[in-house]
Amino acid sequence: MISLQIKSQQYNYLLKSYKEYLQTLGYATGTAESWPIHVREFLHYIESNGITSILSIETSHITNFIRYIKQRTNKRNKGTALSSSSINKIINAVNVFIKFLNSTGKYIVEVTAQRAEDSFNERIILSVAEIKKLYEGTFLPHRQNSIALGQRDRAIIAIFYGCGLRRSEGKNLNINDIDLQKQLLFVRKGKGNKQRYVPIAAKHLTDIKDYLQESREWFLQEHYTHAKWFTMKDNKKENADDMAFFVGVFGNRMQEFYARLEQMKKRATIEKNVTLHGLRHSIATHLLQSGMDIEEIAKFLGHSSLASTQLYTHIINEKQNDREF
């Protein structure tokens, strides 16, 4: 979307100011980078339809834009439609852009884009048995250091399933955000720039502690391979990140979890697609099924509205005759 051209100087100026607005308010780096791209598509669309002033925006223009993005194909997976979650990200970006415009006092735009209805088919839920298989698969042999990689895989399960964190929350997690004594995890930059404390269950706490105290250092150190892998003490990698909780093979903050999830899925012989958000959906469903109060689950997940959490009741109702649950 970066290639979409905008001729209006006003639009280009506001787009730049919007990004600075997100950064000033402390939005996650990924959000501050991606939301202006979504807004660029919106501004390009309305400009192409003859709307050259921000004050000329009406509800119908927003409605037509949403209808457009629902119909256009996914730029990454050509031929497929955008998922409702992707559409909602674009809608969120536009809504916050309008909020930004109104905050300036110069541009009052009284319209709000309505979120798309979530599709239950997009929510891939692992059963408790499948989570157990995923966990047990982390003990199988790996290339390189089986102990370090296995412990980090179990930490991934602990953070994204056990604590229900979103991808950006887990990626941005620092080691000082974990309080092992109080069994709490602090989310500094959640969705909407909200903060929250998340309790850590005893089993997941053990896996987090093992990773922090034993294996994380392995990823920070230089390695040489001969007959086997070993670590050179006091010789950290050039890009070593001393604060990041999840550390990648180059010693920097881990950015991509897809490959690890694919390996974990393969070892566990699970046919379903395993994603970080799928782990979050799974813990929400399991907690609700276990009888936890829906308001507590909403707090646990960092939902700003109970409506988002109540969607899981529909999932349970649809699967209540499924032996997996």
Protein backbone atom coordinates (compact mmCIF):
# COMPACT_ATOMS: atom_id res chain seq x y z
CA MET A 1 0.00 0.00 0.00
CA ILE A 2 3.02 2.30 0.40
CA SER A 3 3.10 2.64 -3.41
CA LEU A 4 -0.40 4.15 -3.54
CA GLN A 5 -0.03 7.75 -4.60
CA ILE A 6 -1.80 10.64 -2.84
CA LYS A 7 -1.78 13.99 -4.64
CA SER A 8 -3.37 16.13 -1.92
CA GLN A 9 -0.79 18.02 0.15
CA GLN A 10 -3.29 18.11 3.00
CA TYR A 11 -3.68 14.32 2.97
CA ASN A 12 0.09 13.76 2.86
CA TYR A 13 0.64 16.18 5.72
CA LEU A 14 -2.08 14.58 7.85
CA LEU A 15 -0.74 11.10 7.11
CA LYS A 16 2.70 12.08 8.35
CA SER A 17 1.22 13.78 11.42
CA TYR A 18 -0.91 10.71 12.14
CA LYS A 19 2.18 8.48 12.34
CA GLU A 20 3.83 10.95 14.72
CA TYR A 21 0.61 10.97 16.77
CA LEU A 22 0.70 7.17 17.15
CA GLN A 23 4.37 7.24 18.12
CA THR A 24 3.82 10.02 20.67
CA LEU A 25 0.98 8.10 22.31
CA GLY A 26 3.22 5.06 22.63
CA TYR A 27 1.49 2.70 20.24
CA ALA A 28 3.44 -0.47 19.43
CA THR A 29 6.06 -0.02 16.70
CA GLY A 30 4.25 -2.40 14.36
CA THR A 31 1.00 -0.50 14.79
CA ALA A 32 2.63 2.88 14.26
CA GLU A 33 4.09 1.54 11.01
CA SER A 34 1.09 -0.39 9.63
CA TRP A 35 -1.86 1.86 10.51
CA PRO A 36 -0.63 4.83 8.41
CA ILE A 37 -0.34 2.38 5.49
CA HIS A 38 -4.01 1.43 5.95
CA VAL A 39 -5.00 5.08 6.21
CA ARG A 40 -3.01 5.79 3.03
CA GLU A 41 -5.23 3.27 1.23
CA PHE A 42 -8.31 5.01 2.65
CA LEU A 43 -7.12 8.48 1.58
CA HIS A 44 -6.13 7.17 -1.84
CA TYR A 45 -9.59 5.65 -2.22
CA ILE A 46 -11.57 8.78 -1.31
CA GLU A 47 -9.24 11.00 -3.36
CA SER A 48 -9.80 8.71 -6.36
CA ASN A 49 -13.52 9.25 -5.82
CA GLY A 50 -13.28 13.03 -5.90
CA ILE A 51 -12.99 13.77 -2.15
CA THR A 52 -10.07 16.20 -1.93
CA SER A 53 -10.75 17.78 1.48
CA ILE A 54 -10.77 15.98 4.81
CA LEU A 55 -13.79 18.03 5.90
CA SER A 56 -15.82 16.61 3.02
CA ILE A 57 -15.73 13.07 4.42
CA GLU A 58 -19.20 11.66 5.09
CA THR A 59 -20.48 8.37 6.49
CA SER A 60 -21.24 7.13 2.97
CA HIS A 61 -17.59 7.51 1.99
CA ILE A 62 -16.50 5.34 4.94
CA THR A 63 -19.21 2.78 4.14
CA ASN A 64 -18.15 2.59 0.50
CA PHE A 65 -14.48 2.19 1.49
CA ILE A 66 -15.29 -0.70 3.83
CA ARG A 67 -17.35 -2.32 1.08
CA TYR A 68 -14.34 -1.92 -1.20
CA ILE A 69 -11.82 -3.56 1.16
CA LYS A 70 -14.24 -6.43 1.79
CA GLN A 71 -14.29 -7.11 -1.94
CA ARG A 72 -10.66 -6.58 -2.85
CA THR A 73 -8.22 -9.48 -2.80
CA ASN A 74 -5.46 -10.00 -0.26
CA LYS A 75 -2.23 -8.48 -1.58
CA ARG A 76 -0.10 -11.17 0.10
CA ASN A 77 -2.26 -14.20 -0.74
CA LYS A 78 -3.47 -13.32 -4.19
CA GLY A 79 -6.90 -14.56 -5.10
CA THR A 80 -8.15 -14.72 -1.52
CA ALA A 81 -10.37 -12.21 0.24
CA LEU A 82 -9.25 -10.28 3.31
CA SER A 83 -10.15 -11.95 6.60
CA SER A 84 -12.50 -10.12 8.96
CA SER A 85 -9.59 -9.62 11.38
CA SER A 86 -7.55 -7.92 8.61
CA ILE A 87 -10.54 -5.77 7.68
CA ASN A 88 -10.99 -4.78 11.33
CA LYS A 89 -7.34 -3.72 11.54
CA ILE A 90 -7.94 -1.34 8.64
CA ILE A 91 -11.14 -0.07 10.27
CA ASN A 92 -9.33 0.47 13.59
CA ALA A 93 -6.64 2.46 11.79
CA VAL A 94 -9.24 4.68 10.11
CA ASN A 95 -11.18 5.21 13.35
CA VAL A 96 -8.05 6.26 15.25
CA PHE A 97 -7.14 8.52 12.32
CA ILE A 98 -10.52 10.24 12.70
CA LYS A 99 -9.92 10.51 16.44
CA PHE A 100 -6.56 12.12 15.65
CA LEU A 101 -8.22 14.61 13.27
CA ASN A 102 -10.76 15.61 15.91
CA SER A 103 -8.03 16.01 18.55
CA THR A 104 -6.38 18.75 16.47
CA GLY A 105 -9.45 20.99 16.78
CA LYS A 106 -9.03 21.94 13.12
CA TYR A 107 -10.70 18.98 11.45
CA ILE A 108 -13.93 17.77 13.03
CA VAL A 109 -15.11 14.58 11.34
CA GLU A 110 -18.18 13.04 12.95
CA VAL A 111 -18.16 9.57 11.40
CA THR A 112 -17.17 6.16 12.76
CA ALA A 113 -16.42 3.01 10.78
CA GLN A 114 -18.22 -0.08 12.10
CA ARG A 115 -16.15 -3.19 12.73
CA ALA A 116 -16.72 -6.23 10.55
CA GLU A 117 -18.33 -9.24 12.15
CA ASP A 118 -15.76 -11.81 13.21
CA SER A 119 -15.91 -15.11 11.45
CA PHE A 120 -15.82 -18.15 13.72
CA ASN A 121 -14.28 -20.17 10.90
CA GLU A 122 -11.14 -18.04 11.20
CA ARG A 123 -10.71 -18.93 14.85
CA ILE A 124 -8.72 -22.14 14.92
CA ILE A 125 -9.04 -23.63 18.40
CA LEU A 126 -6.75 -26.38 19.63
CA SER A 127 -8.25 -28.85 22.07
CA VAL A 128 -6.67 -29.42 25.48
CA ALA A 129 -5.37 -32.74 24.14
CA GLU A 130 -3.74 -31.00 21.17
CA ILE A 131 -2.10 -28.42 23.42
CA LYS A 132 -0.69 -31.31 25.45
CA LYS A 133 0.66 -32.95 22.27
CA LEU A 134 2.20 -29.65 21.20
CA TYR A 135 3.88 -29.35 24.59
CA GLU A 136 5.15 -32.93 24.64
CA GLY A 137 6.59 -32.48 21.16
CA THR A 138 9.01 -29.84 22.47
CA PHE A 139 10.99 -32.60 24.22
CA LEU A 140 11.77 -34.40 20.95
CA PRO A 141 15.29 -34.04 19.49
CA HIS A 142 16.18 -30.82 17.64
CA ARG A 143 19.10 -29.87 15.48
CA GLN A 144 21.74 -27.83 17.31
CA ASN A 145 20.98 -27.52 21.04
CA SER A 146 17.91 -29.62 21.85
CA ILE A 147 17.67 -28.31 25.43
CA ALA A 148 17.77 -24.60 24.55
CA LEU A 149 15.36 -24.83 21.60
CA GLY A 150 12.98 -27.07 23.51
CA GLN A 151 12.88 -24.77 26.51
CA ARG A 152 12.26 -21.74 24.31
CA ASP A 153 9.43 -23.61 22.53
CA ARG A 154 7.85 -24.36 25.91
CA ALA A 155 8.23 -20.68 26.85
CA ILE A 156 6.38 -19.78 23.63
CA ILE A 157 3.51 -22.03 24.71
CA ALA A 158 3.61 -20.54 28.21
CA ILE A 159 3.42 -16.94 26.97
CA PHE A 160 0.98 -17.20 24.06
CA TYR A 161 -1.23 -19.99 25.39
CA GLY A 162 -0.70 -19.93 29.16
CA CYS A 163 -0.78 -16.11 29.42
CA GLY A 164 -2.88 -15.47 26.31
CA LEU A 165 -0.67 -12.71 24.91
CA ARG A 166 -1.11 -11.24 21.46
CA ARG A 167 1.77 -11.58 18.98
CA SER A 168 2.96 -7.98 19.40
CA GLU A 169 2.72 -8.25 23.20
CA GLY A 170 4.87 -11.36 23.28
CA LYS A 171 7.35 -10.01 20.74
CA ASN A 172 7.83 -6.79 22.76
CA LEU A 173 8.07 -8.61 26.10
CA ASN A 174 11.21 -7.83 28.12
CA ILE A 175 12.80 -9.95 30.82
CA ASN A 176 12.02 -7.33 33.47
CA ASP A 177 8.32 -7.63 32.60
CA ILE A 178 8.31 -11.04 34.29
CA ASP A 179 8.00 -11.18 38.09
CA LEU A 180 8.80 -14.78 38.98
CA GLN A 181 8.17 -14.28 42.71
CA LYS A 182 4.73 -12.70 42.32
CA GLN A 183 3.94 -14.95 39.34
CA LEU A 184 2.90 -11.98 37.23
CA LEU A 185 3.59 -10.81 33.70
CA PHE A 186 3.35 -7.11 32.86
CA VAL A 187 2.08 -6.12 29.40
CA ARG A 188 3.45 -2.62 28.81
CA LYS A 189 1.94 -1.98 25.40
CA GLY A 190 -1.22 -3.91 24.78
CA LYS A 191 -3.87 -3.23 22.15
CA GLY A 192 -4.95 0.40 22.25
CA ASN A 193 -1.79 1.20 24.24
CA LYS A 194 -3.34 -0.36 27.36
CA GLN A 195 -1.33 -1.96 30.13
CA ARG A 196 -2.28 -4.96 32.25
CA TYR A 197 -0.92 -7.61 34.62
CA VAL A 198 -1.40 -11.26 33.69
CA PRO A 199 -1.15 -14.08 36.25
CA ILE A 200 1.17 -16.96 35.39
CA ALA A 201 0.02 -20.47 36.27
CA ALA A 202 2.52 -22.61 38.18
CA LYS A 203 3.18 -25.03 35.32
CA HIS A 204 3.89 -22.22 32.85
CA LEU A 205 5.94 -20.36 35.44
CA THR A 206 8.32 -23.33 35.62
CA ASP A 207 8.80 -23.31 31.85
CA ILE A 208 9.38 -19.55 31.79
CA LYS A 209 11.88 -19.82 34.66
CA ASP A 210 13.77 -22.69 32.97
CA TYR A 211 14.08 -20.70 29.76
CA LEU A 212 15.20 -17.51 31.51
CA GLN A 213 17.68 -19.16 33.85
CA GLU A 214 19.10 -21.83 31.57
CA SER A 215 18.52 -21.47 27.83
CA ARG A 216 18.05 -17.80 26.97
CA GLU A 217 21.77 -17.14 27.45
CA TRP A 218 22.56 -19.83 24.88
CA PHE A 219 20.85 -17.75 22.17
CA LEU A 220 22.84 -14.66 23.17
CA GLN A 221 26.23 -16.36 22.89
CA GLU A 222 28.39 -17.13 19.85
CA HIS A 223 28.52 -20.79 18.82
CA TYR A 224 30.99 -22.88 16.91
CA THR A 225 30.24 -26.27 15.46
CA HIS A 226 32.65 -29.18 15.19
CA ALA A 227 31.56 -32.57 16.41
CA LYS A 228 28.87 -30.88 18.49
CA TRP A 229 27.55 -27.45 19.40
CA PHE A 230 28.98 -25.60 22.32
CA THR A 231 28.97 -22.06 23.75
CA MET A 232 31.95 -19.74 24.11
CA LYS A 233 31.55 -18.04 27.48
CA ASP A 234 31.60 -14.24 27.71
CA ASN A 235 31.46 -13.90 23.92
CA LYS A 236 28.04 -12.50 23.04
CA LYS A 237 26.74 -12.17 19.52
CA GLU A 238 27.07 -8.77 17.90
CA ASN A 239 23.30 -8.17 17.87
CA ALA A 240 22.63 -9.60 21.32
CA ASP A 241 19.58 -8.02 22.99
CA ASP A 242 20.01 -8.12 26.75
CA MET A 243 16.44 -6.97 27.44
CA ALA A 244 14.31 -9.03 25.02
CA PHE A 245 12.50 -12.01 26.53
CA PHE A 246 12.34 -14.00 23.30
CA VAL A 247 15.75 -14.11 21.61
CA GLY A 248 16.33 -15.40 18.08
CA VAL A 249 19.21 -17.39 16.62
CA PHE A 250 21.18 -14.18 15.94
CA GLY A 251 20.85 -13.03 19.54
CA ASN A 252 18.43 -10.22 18.71
CA ARG A 253 14.76 -9.83 19.64
CA MET A 254 12.81 -12.69 18.11
CA GLN A 255 10.52 -11.34 15.37
CA GLU A 256 9.17 -14.39 13.59
CA PHE A 257 7.55 -17.30 15.40
CA TYR A 258 6.01 -19.02 12.38
CA ALA A 259 8.91 -21.42 11.75
CA ARG A 260 8.98 -22.56 15.37
CA LEU A 261 5.23 -23.16 15.41
CA GLU A 262 5.50 -25.19 12.21
CA GLN A 263 8.23 -27.34 13.77
CA MET A 264 6.18 -27.79 16.94
CA LYS A 265 3.09 -28.68 14.92
CA LYS A 266 5.05 -31.21 12.85
CA ARG A 267 6.48 -32.95 15.91
CA ALA A 268 3.07 -33.04 17.55
CA THR A 269 1.47 -34.42 14.33
CA ILE A 270 -1.32 -31.85 14.53
CA GLU A 271 -3.23 -31.24 11.29
CA LYS A 272 -4.78 -27.90 12.28
CA ASN A 273 -3.02 -24.66 11.47
CA VAL A 274 -1.14 -23.56 14.62
CA THR A 275 -0.74 -19.80 15.07
CA LEU A 276 0.10 -17.50 17.97
CA HIS A 277 -3.40 -16.03 17.89
CA GLY A 278 -4.80 -19.55 17.71
CA LEU A 279 -3.06 -20.30 21.03
CA ARG A 280 -4.69 -17.16 22.49
CA HIS A 281 -8.10 -18.23 21.17
CA SER A 282 -7.53 -21.68 22.64
CA ILE A 283 -6.77 -20.53 26.20
CA ALA A 284 -9.77 -18.18 26.12
CA THR A 285 -12.03 -21.04 25.06
CA HIS A 286 -10.58 -23.45 27.64
CA LEU A 287 -10.88 -20.93 30.48
CA LEU A 288 -14.49 -20.18 29.59
CA GLN A 289 -15.29 -23.86 29.37
CA SER A 290 -13.68 -24.47 32.77
CA GLY A 291 -16.15 -22.05 34.34
CA MET A 292 -14.08 -18.89 34.72
CA ASP A 293 -16.17 -15.73 34.83
CA ILE A 294 -16.30 -14.03 31.43
CA GLU A 295 -15.33 -10.66 32.94
CA GLU A 296 -12.17 -12.21 34.39
CA ILE A 297 -11.33 -13.71 31.01
CA ALA A 298 -11.81 -10.31 29.36
CA LYS A 299 -9.41 -8.79 31.89
CA PHE A 300 -6.95 -11.63 31.34
CA LEU A 301 -7.00 -11.12 27.56
CA GLY A 302 -6.94 -7.33 27.73
CA HIS A 303 -10.29 -6.91 25.94
CA SER A 304 -11.75 -3.41 26.15
CA SER A 305 -15.26 -4.75 25.54
CA LEU A 306 -17.03 -7.86 26.81
CA ALA A 307 -18.47 -8.31 23.33
CA SER A 308 -15.05 -9.51 22.11
CA THR A 309 -14.89 -12.12 24.88
CA GLN A 310 -18.50 -13.26 24.46
CA LEU A 311 -17.66 -14.51 20.97
CA TYR A 312 -16.02 -17.50 22.65
CA THR A 313 -19.35 -18.58 24.10
CA HIS A 314 -20.56 -19.10 20.53
CA ILE A 315 -17.50 -21.21 19.77
CA ILE A 316 -18.19 -23.42 22.77
CA ASN A 317 -21.86 -23.76 21.82
CA GLU A 318 -20.88 -24.81 18.30
CA LYS A 319 -18.38 -27.37 19.61
CA GLN A 320 -20.25 -28.62 22.68
CA ASN A 321 -20.82 -31.99 21.02
CA ASP A 322 -17.22 -32.21 19.85
CA ARG A 323 -15.35 -34.85 21.86
CA GLU A 324 -12.22 -32.71 21.71
CA PHE A 325 -13.82 -30.48 24.32
